[in-house]
Amino acid sequence: MPVKYEDLPPQIQNQLQQLQQFQQQMEITIQQRQQIEIRIKDIENALEELEKLEKDASVFKNVGPILIKAGASDVKKELQESKESLEVRKGTMEKQEKRLKEKIDDIQTKIQGSLSQPQAG
């Protein structure tokens, strides 16, 4: 017969709540990392297109709601800096994912251990 949440000891209830919080944090972290990866890919595509241009070519870049004419080499440099910054953030997100995964695994092990022990009562 399944055990009701309310019938679980407070310690296990607390661990289940922590597990749920860690899982939610993990989902958010994964989504953020995926968004960063998409931005990196967009920048890589833009850099590839800039490589096809002559060195002194002019391009347009978005600045808020307007387009501004700029030198291709300047835009390329800005994009490379943005990419580097995003790659650092991606690395940070991956480390955070790893820590959350370890916490989730740890708390799942604790919950399973607590549930497999016979309860006094």
PDB file of N, CA and C in Angstrom:
ATOM      1  N   MET A   1       0.849  -1.183   0.000  1.00  0.00           N
ATOM      2  CA  MET A   1       0.000   0.000   0.000  1.00  0.00           C
ATOM      3  C   MET A   1       0.899   1.252   0.000  1.00  0.00           C
ATOM      4  N   PRO A   2       0.618   2.197  -0.901  1.00  0.00           N
ATOM      5  CA  PRO A   2       1.438   3.413  -0.963  1.00  0.00           C
ATOM      6  C   PRO A   2       1.330   4.230   0.326  1.00  0.00           C
ATOM      7  N   VAL A   3       2.427   4.860   0.669  1.00  0.00           N
ATOM      8  CA  VAL A   3       2.475   5.686   1.869  1.00  0.00           C
ATOM      9  C   VAL A   3       2.088   7.111   1.483  1.00  0.00           C
ATOM     10  N   LYS A   4       1.238   7.729   2.274  1.00  0.00           N
ATOM     11  CA  LYS A   4       0.848   9.119   2.032  1.00  0.00           C
ATOM     12  C   LYS A   4       1.957  10.044   2.518  1.00  0.00           C
ATOM     13  N   TYR A   5       2.106  11.153   1.831  1.00  0.00           N
ATOM     14  CA  TYR A   5       3.126  12.136   2.192  1.00  0.00           C
ATOM     15  C   TYR A   5       2.977  12.556   3.651  1.00  0.00           C
ATOM     16  N   GLU A   6       1.725  12.767   4.080  1.00  0.00           N
ATOM     17  CA  GLU A   6       1.461  13.226   5.447  1.00  0.00           C
ATOM     18  C   GLU A   6       1.875  12.202   6.499  1.00  0.00           C
ATOM     19  N   ASP A   7       1.930  10.936   6.088  1.00  0.00           N
ATOM     20  CA  ASP A   7       2.292   9.863   7.021  1.00  0.00           C
ATOM     21  C   ASP A   7       3.811   9.689   7.153  1.00  0.00           C
ATOM     22  N   LEU A   8       4.568  10.361   6.308  1.00  0.00           N
ATOM     23  CA  LEU A   8       6.027  10.241   6.374  1.00  0.00           C
ATOM     24  C   LEU A   8       6.567  11.044   7.553  1.00  0.00           C
ATOM     25  N   PRO A   9       7.675  10.602   8.114  1.00  0.00           N
ATOM     26  CA  PRO A   9       8.304  11.373   9.202  1.00  0.00           C
ATOM     27  C   PRO A   9       8.706  12.765   8.695  1.00  0.00           C
ATOM     28  N   PRO A  10       8.701  13.757   9.585  1.00  0.00           N
ATOM     29  CA  PRO A  10       9.040  15.133   9.177  1.00  0.00           C
ATOM     30  C   PRO A  10      10.399  15.246   8.487  1.00  0.00           C
ATOM     31  N   GLN A  11      11.361  14.459   8.913  1.00  0.00           N
ATOM     32  CA  GLN A  11      12.692  14.513   8.303  1.00  0.00           C
ATOM     33  C   GLN A  11      12.625  14.120   6.823  1.00  0.00           C
ATOM     34  N   ILE A  12      11.875  13.086   6.517  1.00  0.00           N
ATOM     35  CA  ILE A  12      11.745  12.641   5.127  1.00  0.00           C
ATOM     36  C   ILE A  12      10.937  13.663   4.325  1.00  0.00           C
ATOM     37  N   GLN A  13       9.901  14.223   4.923  1.00  0.00           N
ATOM     38  CA  GLN A  13       9.132  15.270   4.243  1.00  0.00           C
ATOM     39  C   GLN A  13      10.051  16.433   3.870  1.00  0.00           C
ATOM     40  N   ASN A  14      10.908  16.826   4.801  1.00  0.00           N
ATOM     41  CA  ASN A  14      11.848  17.911   4.567  1.00  0.00           C
ATOM     42  C   ASN A  14      12.815  17.557   3.430  1.00  0.00           C
ATOM     43  N   GLN A  15      13.315  16.333   3.440  1.00  0.00           N
ATOM     44  CA  GLN A  15      14.231  15.897   2.385  1.00  0.00           C
ATOM     45  C   GLN A  15      13.545  15.881   1.024  1.00  0.00           C
ATOM     46  N   LEU A  16      12.277  15.473   1.001  1.00  0.00           N
ATOM     47  CA  LEU A  16      11.535  15.471  -0.263  1.00  0.00           C
ATOM     48  C   LEU A  16      11.339  16.895  -0.787  1.00  0.00           C
ATOM     49  N   GLN A  17      11.094  17.834   0.123  1.00  0.00           N
ATOM     50  CA  GLN A  17      10.952  19.233  -0.284  1.00  0.00           C
ATOM     51  C   GLN A  17      12.280  19.766  -0.830  1.00  0.00           C
ATOM     52  N   GLN A  18      13.385  19.418  -0.174  1.00  0.00           N
ATOM     53  CA  GLN A  18      14.703  19.829  -0.656  1.00  0.00           C
ATOM     54  C   GLN A  18      14.976  19.238  -2.036  1.00  0.00           C
ATOM     55  N   LEU A  19      14.629  17.976  -2.207  1.00  0.00           N
ATOM     56  CA  LEU A  19      14.824  17.302  -3.488  1.00  0.00           C
ATOM     57  C   LEU A  19      14.066  18.039  -4.593  1.00  0.00           C
ATOM     58  N   GLN A  20      12.834  18.394  -4.300  1.00  0.00           N
ATOM     59  CA  GLN A  20      12.021  19.101  -5.285  1.00  0.00           C
ATOM     60  C   GLN A  20      12.642  20.467  -5.623  1.00  0.00           C
ATOM     61  N   GLN A  21      13.138  21.164  -4.621  1.00  0.00           N
ATOM     62  CA  GLN A  21      13.783  22.460  -4.857  1.00  0.00           C
ATOM     63  C   GLN A  21      15.029  22.302  -5.719  1.00  0.00           C
ATOM     64  N   PHE A  22      15.846  21.301  -5.420  1.00  0.00           N
ATOM     65  CA  PHE A  22      17.059  21.061  -6.202  1.00  0.00           C
ATOM     66  C   PHE A  22      16.713  20.703  -7.648  1.00  0.00           C
ATOM     67  N   GLN A  23      15.660  19.914  -7.823  1.00  0.00           N
ATOM     68  CA  GLN A  23      15.249  19.539  -9.180  1.00  0.00           C
ATOM     69  C   GLN A  23      14.761  20.763  -9.960  1.00  0.00           C
ATOM     70  N   GLN A  24      14.034  21.670  -9.288  1.00  0.00           N
ATOM     71  CA  GLN A  24      13.591  22.894  -9.946  1.00  0.00           C
ATOM     72  C   GLN A  24      14.785  23.775 -10.312  1.00  0.00           C
ATOM     73  N   GLN A  25      15.744  23.883  -9.392  1.00  0.00           N
ATOM     74  CA  GLN A  25      16.950  24.662  -9.672  1.00  0.00           C
ATOM     75  C   GLN A  25      17.709  24.063 -10.857  1.00  0.00           C
ATOM     76  N   MET A  26      17.743  22.735 -10.919  1.00  0.00           N
ATOM     77  CA  MET A  26      18.432  22.050 -12.010  1.00  0.00           C
ATOM     78  C   MET A  26      17.757  22.368 -13.345  1.00  0.00           C
ATOM     79  N   GLU A  27      16.437  22.339 -13.387  1.00  0.00           N
ATOM     80  CA  GLU A  27      15.703  22.650 -14.621  1.00  0.00           C
ATOM     81  C   GLU A  27      16.007  24.073 -15.081  1.00  0.00           C
ATOM     82  N   ILE A  28      16.001  25.019 -14.154  1.00  0.00           N
ATOM     83  CA  ILE A  28      16.281  26.417 -14.483  1.00  0.00           C
ATOM     84  C   ILE A  28      17.706  26.566 -15.001  1.00  0.00           C
ATOM     85  N   THR A  29      18.638  25.907 -14.337  1.00  0.00           N
ATOM     86  CA  THR A  29      20.048  25.972 -14.729  1.00  0.00           C
ATOM     87  C   THR A  29      20.252  25.394 -16.124  1.00  0.00           C
ATOM     88  N   ILE A  30      19.609  24.280 -16.405  1.00  0.00           N
ATOM     89  CA  ILE A  30      19.714  23.655 -17.730  1.00  0.00           C
ATOM     90  C   ILE A  30      19.140  24.585 -18.797  1.00  0.00           C
ATOM     91  N   GLN A  31      18.001  25.197 -18.520  1.00  0.00           N
ATOM     92  CA  GLN A  31      17.402  26.131 -19.481  1.00  0.00           C
ATOM     93  C   GLN A  31      18.321  27.319 -19.740  1.00  0.00           C
ATOM     94  N   GLN A  32      18.918  27.849 -18.687  1.00  0.00           N
ATOM     95  CA  GLN A  32      19.823  28.982 -18.844  1.00  0.00           C
ATOM     96  C   GLN A  32      21.052  28.588 -19.664  1.00  0.00           C
ATOM     97  N   ARG A  33      21.600  27.414 -19.386  1.00  0.00           N
ATOM     98  CA  ARG A  33      22.763  26.946 -20.142  1.00  0.00           C
ATOM     99  C   ARG A  33      22.405  26.767 -21.613  1.00  0.00           C
ATOM    100  N   GLN A  34      21.224  26.219 -21.881  1.00  0.00           N
ATOM    101  CA  GLN A  34      20.794  26.014 -23.269  1.00  0.00           C
ATOM    102  C   GLN A  34      20.628  27.353 -23.991  1.00  0.00           C
ATOM    103  N   GLN A  35      20.103  28.361 -23.298  1.00  0.00           N
ATOM    104  CA  GLN A  35      19.967  29.688 -23.898  1.00  0.00           C
ATOM    105  C   GLN A  35      21.341  30.271 -24.217  1.00  0.00           C
ATOM    106  N   ILE A  36      22.280  30.074 -23.327  1.00  0.00           N
ATOM    107  CA  ILE A  36      23.647  30.558 -23.556  1.00  0.00           C
ATOM    108  C   ILE A  36      24.254  29.840 -24.765  1.00  0.00           C
ATOM    109  N   GLU A  37      24.040  28.530 -24.860  1.00  0.00           N
ATOM    110  CA  GLU A  37      24.569  27.768 -25.990  1.00  0.00           C
ATOM    111  C   GLU A  37      23.983  28.264 -27.310  1.00  0.00           C
ATOM    112  N   ILE A  38      22.707  28.625 -27.318  1.00  0.00           N
ATOM    113  CA  ILE A  38      22.072  29.160 -28.523  1.00  0.00           C
ATOM    114  C   ILE A  38      22.708  30.490 -28.904  1.00  0.00           C
ATOM    115  N   ARG A  39      22.934  31.345 -27.914  1.00  0.00           N
ATOM    116  CA  ARG A  39      23.570  32.637 -28.188  1.00  0.00           C
ATOM    117  C   ARG A  39      24.992  32.448 -28.721  1.00  0.00           C
ATOM    118  N   ILE A  40      25.725  31.504 -28.158  1.00  0.00           N
ATOM    119  CA  ILE A  40      27.085  31.219 -28.643  1.00  0.00           C
ATOM    120  C   ILE A  40      27.030  30.771 -30.103  1.00  0.00           C
ATOM    121  N   LYS A  41      26.091  29.888 -30.428  1.00  0.00           N
ATOM    122  CA  LYS A  41      25.954  29.389 -31.802  1.00  0.00           C
ATOM    123  C   LYS A  41      25.605  30.544 -32.749  1.00  0.00           C
ATOM    124  N   ASP A  42      24.730  31.435 -32.331  1.00  0.00           N
ATOM    125  CA  ASP A  42      24.377  32.597 -33.156  1.00  0.00           C
ATOM    126  C   ASP A  42      25.609  33.460 -33.424  1.00  0.00           C
ATOM    127  N   ILE A  43      26.405  33.675 -32.393  1.00  0.00           N
ATOM    128  CA  ILE A  43      27.629  34.476 -32.543  1.00  0.00           C
ATOM    129  C   ILE A  43      28.605  33.777 -33.486  1.00  0.00           C
ATOM    130  N   GLU A  44      28.747  32.460 -33.337  1.00  0.00           N
ATOM    131  CA  GLU A  44      29.640  31.711 -34.223  1.00  0.00           C
ATOM    132  C   GLU A  44      29.196  31.843 -35.682  1.00  0.00           C
ATOM    133  N   ASN A  45      27.882  31.773 -35.915  1.00  0.00           N
ATOM    134  CA  ASN A  45      27.353  31.930 -37.268  1.00  0.00           C
ATOM    135  C   ASN A  45      27.659  33.328 -37.814  1.00  0.00           C
ATOM    136  N   ALA A  46      27.474  34.342 -36.982  1.00  0.00           N
ATOM    137  CA  ALA A  46      27.756  35.714 -37.396  1.00  0.00           C
ATOM    138  C   ALA A  46      29.247  35.883 -37.701  1.00  0.00           C
ATOM    139  N   LEU A  47      30.105  35.298 -36.864  1.00  0.00           N
ATOM    140  CA  LEU A  47      31.547  35.387 -37.101  1.00  0.00           C
ATOM    141  C   LEU A  47      31.942  34.710 -38.414  1.00  0.00           C
ATOM    142  N   GLU A  48      31.305  33.582 -38.719  1.00  0.00           N
ATOM    143  CA  GLU A  48      31.571  32.905 -39.991  1.00  0.00           C
ATOM    144  C   GLU A  48      31.214  33.808 -41.165  1.00  0.00           C
ATOM    145  N   GLU A  49      30.089  34.490 -41.062  1.00  0.00           N
ATOM    146  CA  GLU A  49      29.680  35.396 -42.139  1.00  0.00           C
ATOM    147  C   GLU A  49      30.640  36.575 -42.253  1.00  0.00           C
ATOM    148  N   LEU A  50      31.115  37.086 -41.131  1.00  0.00           N
ATOM    149  CA  LEU A  50      32.062  38.204 -41.151  1.00  0.00           C
ATOM    150  C   LEU A  50      33.391  37.801 -41.782  1.00  0.00           C
ATOM    151  N   GLU A  51      33.770  36.536 -41.622  1.00  0.00           N
ATOM    152  CA  GLU A  51      35.014  36.041 -42.220  1.00  0.00           C
ATOM    153  C   GLU A  51      34.971  36.106 -43.741  1.00  0.00           C
ATOM    154  N   LYS A  52      33.783  36.027 -44.298  1.00  0.00           N
ATOM    155  CA  LYS A  52      33.627  36.033 -45.756  1.00  0.00           C
ATOM    156  C   LYS A  52      33.785  37.435 -46.346  1.00  0.00           C
ATOM    157  N   LEU A  53      33.708  38.462 -45.492  1.00  0.00           N
ATOM    158  CA  LEU A  53      33.775  39.844 -45.966  1.00  0.00           C
ATOM    159  C   LEU A  53      35.214  40.327 -46.082  1.00  0.00           C
ATOM    160  N   GLU A  54      35.383  41.380 -46.859  1.00  0.00           N
ATOM    161  CA  GLU A  54      36.686  42.024 -46.934  1.00  0.00           C
ATOM    162  C   GLU A  54      36.957  42.731 -45.616  1.00  0.00           C
ATOM    163  N   LYS A  55      38.243  42.928 -45.317  1.00  0.00           N
ATOM    164  CA  LYS A  55      38.622  43.515 -44.020  1.00  0.00           C
ATOM    165  C   LYS A  55      38.019  44.884 -43.776  1.00  0.00           C
ATOM    166  N   ASP A  56      37.936  45.705 -44.802  1.00  0.00           N
ATOM    167  CA  ASP A  56      37.454  47.074 -44.607  1.00  0.00           C
ATOM    168  C   ASP A  56      35.959  47.220 -44.901  1.00  0.00           C
ATOM    169  N   ALA A  57      35.260  46.110 -44.970  1.00  0.00           N
ATOM    170  CA  ALA A  57      33.827  46.152 -45.253  1.00  0.00           C
ATOM    171  C   ALA A  57      33.062  46.780 -44.091  1.00  0.00           C
ATOM    172  N   SER A  58      31.932  47.379 -44.428  1.00  0.00           N
ATOM    173  CA  SER A  58      31.042  47.919 -43.403  1.00  0.00           C
ATOM    174  C   SER A  58      29.862  46.974 -43.228  1.00  0.00           C
ATOM    175  N   VAL A  59      29.405  46.866 -41.995  1.00  0.00           N
ATOM    176  CA  VAL A  59      28.233  46.048 -41.681  1.00  0.00           C
ATOM    177  C   VAL A  59      27.319  46.877 -40.779  1.00  0.00           C
ATOM    178  N   PHE A  60      26.142  46.357 -40.531  1.00  0.00           N
ATOM    179  CA  PHE A  60      25.217  47.020 -39.624  1.00  0.00           C
ATOM    180  C   PHE A  60      25.028  46.139 -38.397  1.00  0.00           C
ATOM    181  N   LYS A  61      24.950  46.787 -37.246  1.00  0.00           N
ATOM    182  CA  LYS A  61      24.719  46.038 -36.019  1.00  0.00           C
ATOM    183  C   LYS A  61      23.555  46.661 -35.265  1.00  0.00           C
ATOM    184  N   ASN A  62      22.872  45.819 -34.515  1.00  0.00           N
ATOM    185  CA  ASN A  62      21.757  46.281 -33.688  1.00  0.00           C
ATOM    186  C   ASN A  62      22.281  46.990 -32.457  1.00  0.00           C
ATOM    187  N   VAL A  63      21.724  48.161 -32.198  1.00  0.00           N
ATOM    188  CA  VAL A  63      21.974  48.856 -30.941  1.00  0.00           C
ATOM    189  C   VAL A  63      20.590  49.287 -30.472  1.00  0.00           C
ATOM    190  N   GLY A  64      20.033  48.477 -29.575  1.00  0.00           N
ATOM    191  CA  GLY A  64      18.657  48.744 -29.161  1.00  0.00           C
ATOM    192  C   GLY A  64      17.738  48.552 -30.362  1.00  0.00           C
ATOM    193  N   PRO A  65      16.845  49.505 -30.601  1.00  0.00           N
ATOM    194  CA  PRO A  65      15.879  49.351 -31.692  1.00  0.00           C
ATOM    195  C   PRO A  65      16.387  49.877 -33.043  1.00  0.00           C
ATOM    196  N   ILE A  66      17.671  50.251 -33.137  1.00  0.00           N
ATOM    197  CA  ILE A  66      18.173  50.807 -34.400  1.00  0.00           C
ATOM    198  C   ILE A  66      19.373  50.009 -34.917  1.00  0.00           C
ATOM    199  N   LEU A  67      19.651  50.195 -36.201  1.00  0.00           N
ATOM    200  CA  LEU A  67      20.831  49.603 -36.823  1.00  0.00           C
ATOM    201  C   LEU A  67      21.866  50.692 -37.020  1.00  0.00           C
ATOM    202  N   ILE A  68      23.116  50.384 -36.716  1.00  0.00           N
ATOM    203  CA  ILE A  68      24.199  51.350 -36.860  1.00  0.00           C
ATOM    204  C   ILE A  68      25.259  50.744 -37.767  1.00  0.00           C
ATOM    205  N   LYS A  69      25.785  51.561 -38.668  1.00  0.00           N
ATOM    206  CA  LYS A  69      26.850  51.124 -39.562  1.00  0.00           C
ATOM    207  C   LYS A  69      28.148  51.054 -38.760  1.00  0.00           C
ATOM    208  N   ALA A  70      28.892  49.947 -38.934  1.00  0.00           N
ATOM    209  CA  ALA A  70      30.142  49.757 -38.197  1.00  0.00           C
ATOM    210  C   ALA A  70      31.120  48.992 -39.071  1.00  0.00           C
ATOM    211  N   GLY A  71      32.358  49.067 -38.708  1.00  0.00           N
ATOM    212  CA  GLY A  71      33.380  48.310 -39.418  1.00  0.00           C
ATOM    213  C   GLY A  71      33.287  46.832 -39.077  1.00  0.00           C
ATOM    214  N   ALA A  72      33.481  45.993 -40.071  1.00  0.00           N
ATOM    215  CA  ALA A  72      33.369  44.543 -39.860  1.00  0.00           C
ATOM    216  C   ALA A  72      34.371  44.055 -38.816  1.00  0.00           C
ATOM    217  N   SER A  73      35.577  44.605 -38.825  1.00  0.00           N
ATOM    218  CA  SER A  73      36.585  44.152 -37.865  1.00  0.00           C
ATOM    219  C   SER A  73      36.206  44.527 -36.434  1.00  0.00           C
ATOM    220  N   ASP A  74      35.584  45.708 -36.261  1.00  0.00           N
ATOM    221  CA  ASP A  74      35.136  46.116 -34.924  1.00  0.00           C
ATOM    222  C   ASP A  74      34.018  45.208 -34.421  1.00  0.00           C
ATOM    223  N   VAL A  75      33.086  44.915 -35.308  1.00  0.00           N
ATOM    224  CA  VAL A  75      31.964  44.047 -34.936  1.00  0.00           C
ATOM    225  C   VAL A  75      32.476  42.644 -34.623  1.00  0.00           C
ATOM    226  N   LYS A  76      33.433  42.191 -35.412  1.00  0.00           N
ATOM    227  CA  LYS A  76      34.015  40.860 -35.186  1.00  0.00           C
ATOM    228  C   LYS A  76      34.651  40.801 -33.804  1.00  0.00           C
ATOM    229  N   LYS A  77      35.394  41.833 -33.448  1.00  0.00           N
ATOM    230  CA  LYS A  77      36.051  41.868 -32.138  1.00  0.00           C
ATOM    231  C   LYS A  77      35.008  41.850 -31.016  1.00  0.00           C
ATOM    232  N   GLU A  78      33.944  42.645 -31.171  1.00  0.00           N
ATOM    233  CA  GLU A  78      32.877  42.670 -30.148  1.00  0.00           C
ATOM    234  C   GLU A  78      32.231  41.300 -30.012  1.00  0.00           C
ATOM    235  N   LEU A  79      31.978  40.654 -31.149  1.00  0.00           N
ATOM    236  CA  LEU A  79      31.353  39.332 -31.108  1.00  0.00           C
ATOM    237  C   LEU A  79      32.260  38.299 -30.444  1.00  0.00           C
ATOM    238  N   GLN A  80      33.556  38.370 -30.730  1.00  0.00           N
ATOM    239  CA  GLN A  80      34.489  37.427 -30.111  1.00  0.00           C
ATOM    240  C   GLN A  80      34.533  37.631 -28.597  1.00  0.00           C
ATOM    241  N   GLU A  81      34.489  38.888 -28.147  1.00  0.00           N
ATOM    242  CA  GLU A  81      34.474  39.167 -26.711  1.00  0.00           C
ATOM    243  C   GLU A  81      33.192  38.657 -26.068  1.00  0.00           C
ATOM    244  N   SER A  82      32.072  38.858 -26.757  1.00  0.00           N
ATOM    245  CA  SER A  82      30.793  38.353 -26.238  1.00  0.00           C
ATOM    246  C   SER A  82      30.807  36.836 -26.140  1.00  0.00           C
ATOM    247  N   LYS A  83      31.358  36.202 -27.155  1.00  0.00           N
ATOM    248  CA  LYS A  83      31.429  34.733 -27.165  1.00  0.00           C
ATOM    249  C   LYS A  83      32.266  34.232 -25.996  1.00  0.00           C
ATOM    250  N   GLU A  84      33.425  34.868 -25.770  1.00  0.00           N
ATOM    251  CA  GLU A  84      34.284  34.456 -24.658  1.00  0.00           C
ATOM    252  C   GLU A  84      33.558  34.600 -23.321  1.00  0.00           C
ATOM    253  N   SER A  85      32.855  35.704 -23.160  1.00  0.00           N
ATOM    254  CA  SER A  85      32.106  35.937 -21.931  1.00  0.00           C
ATOM    255  C   SER A  85      31.019  34.877 -21.741  1.00  0.00           C
ATOM    256  N   LEU A  86      30.314  34.562 -22.820  1.00  0.00           N
ATOM    257  CA  LEU A  86      29.257  33.558 -22.753  1.00  0.00           C
ATOM    258  C   LEU A  86      29.837  32.170 -22.461  1.00  0.00           C
ATOM    259  N   GLU A  87      31.003  31.876 -23.001  1.00  0.00           N
ATOM    260  CA  GLU A  87      31.607  30.572 -22.742  1.00  0.00           C
ATOM    261  C   GLU A  87      32.001  30.429 -21.268  1.00  0.00           C
ATOM    262  N   VAL A  88      32.429  31.529 -20.659  1.00  0.00           N
ATOM    263  CA  VAL A  88      32.727  31.503 -19.222  1.00  0.00           C
ATOM    264  C   VAL A  88      31.434  31.238 -18.440  1.00  0.00           C
ATOM    265  N   ARG A  89      30.372  31.944 -18.815  1.00  0.00           N
ATOM    266  CA  ARG A  89      29.082  31.731 -18.143  1.00  0.00           C
ATOM    267  C   ARG A  89      28.585  30.307 -18.339  1.00  0.00           C
ATOM    268  N   LYS A  90      28.776  29.771 -19.537  1.00  0.00           N
ATOM    269  CA  LYS A  90      28.367  28.390 -19.807  1.00  0.00           C
ATOM    270  C   LYS A  90      29.120  27.434 -18.892  1.00  0.00           C
ATOM    271  N   GLY A  91      30.431  27.646 -18.735  1.00  0.00           N
ATOM    272  CA  GLY A  91      31.226  26.804 -17.844  1.00  0.00           C
ATOM    273  C   GLY A  91      30.726  26.872 -16.411  1.00  0.00           C
ATOM    274  N   THR A  92      30.374  28.074 -15.977  1.00  0.00           N
ATOM    275  CA  THR A  92      29.836  28.255 -14.626  1.00  0.00           C
ATOM    276  C   THR A  92      28.521  27.493 -14.477  1.00  0.00           C
ATOM    277  N   MET A  93      27.663  27.576 -15.497  1.00  0.00           N
ATOM    278  CA  MET A  93      26.378  26.878 -15.441  1.00  0.00           C
ATOM    279  C   MET A  93      26.597  25.362 -15.403  1.00  0.00           C
ATOM    280  N   GLU A  94      27.571  24.869 -16.165  1.00  0.00           N
ATOM    281  CA  GLU A  94      27.851  23.431 -16.166  1.00  0.00           C
ATOM    282  C   GLU A  94      28.334  22.965 -14.795  1.00  0.00           C
ATOM    283  N   LYS A  95      29.163  23.786 -14.149  1.00  0.00           N
ATOM    284  CA  LYS A  95      29.625  23.447 -12.790  1.00  0.00           C
ATOM    285  C   LYS A  95      28.448  23.437 -11.820  1.00  0.00           C
ATOM    286  N   GLN A  96      27.556  24.410 -11.962  1.00  0.00           N
ATOM    287  CA  GLN A  96      26.383  24.472 -11.096  1.00  0.00           C
ATOM    288  C   GLN A  96      25.492  23.252 -11.322  1.00  0.00           C
ATOM    289  N   GLU A  97      25.322  22.862 -12.575  1.00  0.00           N
ATOM    290  CA  GLU A  97      24.541  21.657 -12.882  1.00  0.00           C
ATOM    291  C   GLU A  97      25.148  20.434 -12.193  1.00  0.00           C
ATOM    292  N   LYS A  98      26.474  20.326 -12.258  1.00  0.00           N
ATOM    293  CA  LYS A  98      27.158  19.179 -11.653  1.00  0.00           C
ATOM    294  C   LYS A  98      26.931  19.152 -10.143  1.00  0.00           C
ATOM    295  N   ARG A  99      27.057  20.322  -9.493  1.00  0.00           N
ATOM    296  CA  ARG A  99      26.839  20.389  -8.038  1.00  0.00           C
ATOM    297  C   ARG A  99      25.396  20.016  -7.688  1.00  0.00           C
ATOM    298  N   LEU A 100      24.445  20.528  -8.469  1.00  0.00           N
ATOM    299  CA  LEU A 100      23.042  20.207  -8.201  1.00  0.00           C
ATOM    300  C   LEU A 100      22.779  18.711  -8.399  1.00  0.00           C
ATOM    301  N   LYS A 101      23.375  18.135  -9.437  1.00  0.00           N
ATOM    302  CA  LYS A 101      23.206  16.697  -9.689  1.00  0.00           C
ATOM    303  C   LYS A 101      23.727  15.893  -8.507  1.00  0.00           C
ATOM    304  N   GLU A 102      24.884  16.306  -7.970  1.00  0.00           N
ATOM    305  CA  GLU A 102      25.442  15.617  -6.806  1.00  0.00           C
ATOM    306  C   GLU A 102      24.514  15.754  -5.602  1.00  0.00           C
ATOM    307  N   LYS A 103      23.954  16.944  -5.390  1.00  0.00           N
ATOM    308  CA  LYS A 103      23.027  17.148  -4.269  1.00  0.00           C
ATOM    309  C   LYS A 103      21.775  16.298  -4.440  1.00  0.00           C
ATOM    310  N   ILE A 104      21.266  16.260  -5.674  1.00  0.00           N
ATOM    311  CA  ILE A 104      20.056  15.464  -5.949  1.00  0.00           C
ATOM    312  C   ILE A 104      20.343  13.988  -5.684  1.00  0.00           C
ATOM    313  N   ASP A 105      21.463  13.490  -6.193  1.00  0.00           N
ATOM    314  CA  ASP A 105      21.812  12.081  -5.979  1.00  0.00           C
ATOM    315  C   ASP A 105      21.966  11.780  -4.490  1.00  0.00           C
ATOM    316  N   ASP A 106      22.623  12.689  -3.771  1.00  0.00           N
ATOM    317  CA  ASP A 106      22.856  12.508  -2.338  1.00  0.00           C
ATOM    318  C   ASP A 106      21.538  12.440  -1.573  1.00  0.00           C
ATOM    319  N   ILE A 107      20.659  13.389  -1.852  1.00  0.00           N
ATOM    320  CA  ILE A 107      19.400  13.419  -1.091  1.00  0.00           C
ATOM    321  C   ILE A 107      18.493  12.258  -1.479  1.00  0.00           C
ATOM    322  N   GLN A 108      18.555  11.822  -2.746  1.00  0.00           N
ATOM    323  CA  GLN A 108      17.779  10.647  -3.143  1.00  0.00           C
ATOM    324  C   GLN A 108      18.260   9.408  -2.397  1.00  0.00           C
ATOM    325  N   THR A 109      19.573   9.293  -2.254  1.00  0.00           N
ATOM    326  CA  THR A 109      20.143   8.161  -1.514  1.00  0.00           C
ATOM    327  C   THR A 109      19.692   8.195  -0.059  1.00  0.00           C
ATOM    328  N   LYS A 110      19.718   9.399   0.546  1.00  0.00           N
ATOM    329  CA  LYS A 110      19.282   9.536   1.943  1.00  0.00           C
ATOM    330  C   LYS A 110      17.808   9.172   2.099  1.00  0.00           C
ATOM    331  N   ILE A 111      16.985   9.640   1.170  1.00  0.00           N
ATOM    332  CA  ILE A 111      15.544   9.347   1.242  1.00  0.00           C
ATOM    333  C   ILE A 111      15.309   7.842   1.103  1.00  0.00           C
ATOM    334  N   GLN A 112      15.964   7.231   0.123  1.00  0.00           N
ATOM    335  CA  GLN A 112      15.795   5.790  -0.083  1.00  0.00           C
ATOM    336  C   GLN A 112      16.267   5.005   1.136  1.00  0.00           C
ATOM    337  N   GLY A 113      17.365   5.453   1.736  1.00  0.00           N
ATOM    338  CA  GLY A 113      17.865   4.795   2.943  1.00  0.00           C
ATOM    339  C   GLY A 113      16.888   4.922   4.090  1.00  0.00           C
ATOM    340  N   SER A 114      16.317   6.110   4.240  1.00  0.00           N
ATOM    341  CA  SER A 114      15.354   6.340   5.329  1.00  0.00           C
ATOM    342  C   SER A 114      14.085   5.522   5.115  1.00  0.00           C
ATOM    343  N   LEU A 115      13.643   5.427   3.871  1.00  0.00           N
ATOM    344  CA  LEU A 115      12.410   4.705   3.594  1.00  0.00           C
ATOM    345  C   LEU A 115      12.601   3.196   3.705  1.00  0.00           C
ATOM    346  N   SER A 116      13.816   2.708   3.488  1.00  0.00           N
ATOM    347  CA  SER A 116      14.038   1.259   3.569  1.00  0.00           C
ATOM    348  C   SER A 116      14.219   0.785   5.010  1.00  0.00           C
ATOM    349  N   GLN A 117      14.469   1.738   5.927  1.00  0.00           N
ATOM    350  CA  GLN A 117      14.601   1.372   7.335  1.00  0.00           C
ATOM    351  C   GLN A 117      13.204   1.187   7.935  1.00  0.00           C
ATOM    352  N   PRO A 118      13.040   0.197   8.761  1.00  0.00           N
ATOM    353  CA  PRO A 118      11.730   0.043   9.413  1.00  0.00           C
ATOM    354  C   PRO A 118      11.488   1.212  10.359  1.00  0.00           C
ATOM    355  N   GLN A 119      10.292   1.760  10.266  1.00  0.00           N
ATOM    356  CA  GLN A 119       9.921   2.914  11.093  1.00  0.00           C
ATOM    357  C   GLN A 119       9.402   2.444  12.454  1.00  0.00           C
ATOM    358  N   ALA A 120       9.835   3.103  13.492  1.00  0.00           N
ATOM    359  CA  ALA A 120       9.336   2.777  14.832  1.00  0.00           C
ATOM    360  C   ALA A 120       7.932   3.285  14.964  1.00  0.00           C
ATOM    361  N   GLY A 121       7.103   2.567  15.559  1.00  0.00           N
ATOM    362  CA  GLY A 121       5.753   3.087  15.729  1.00  0.00           C
ATOM    363  C   GLY A 121       4.797   2.058  15.931  1.00  0.00           C
TER     364      GLY A 121
END
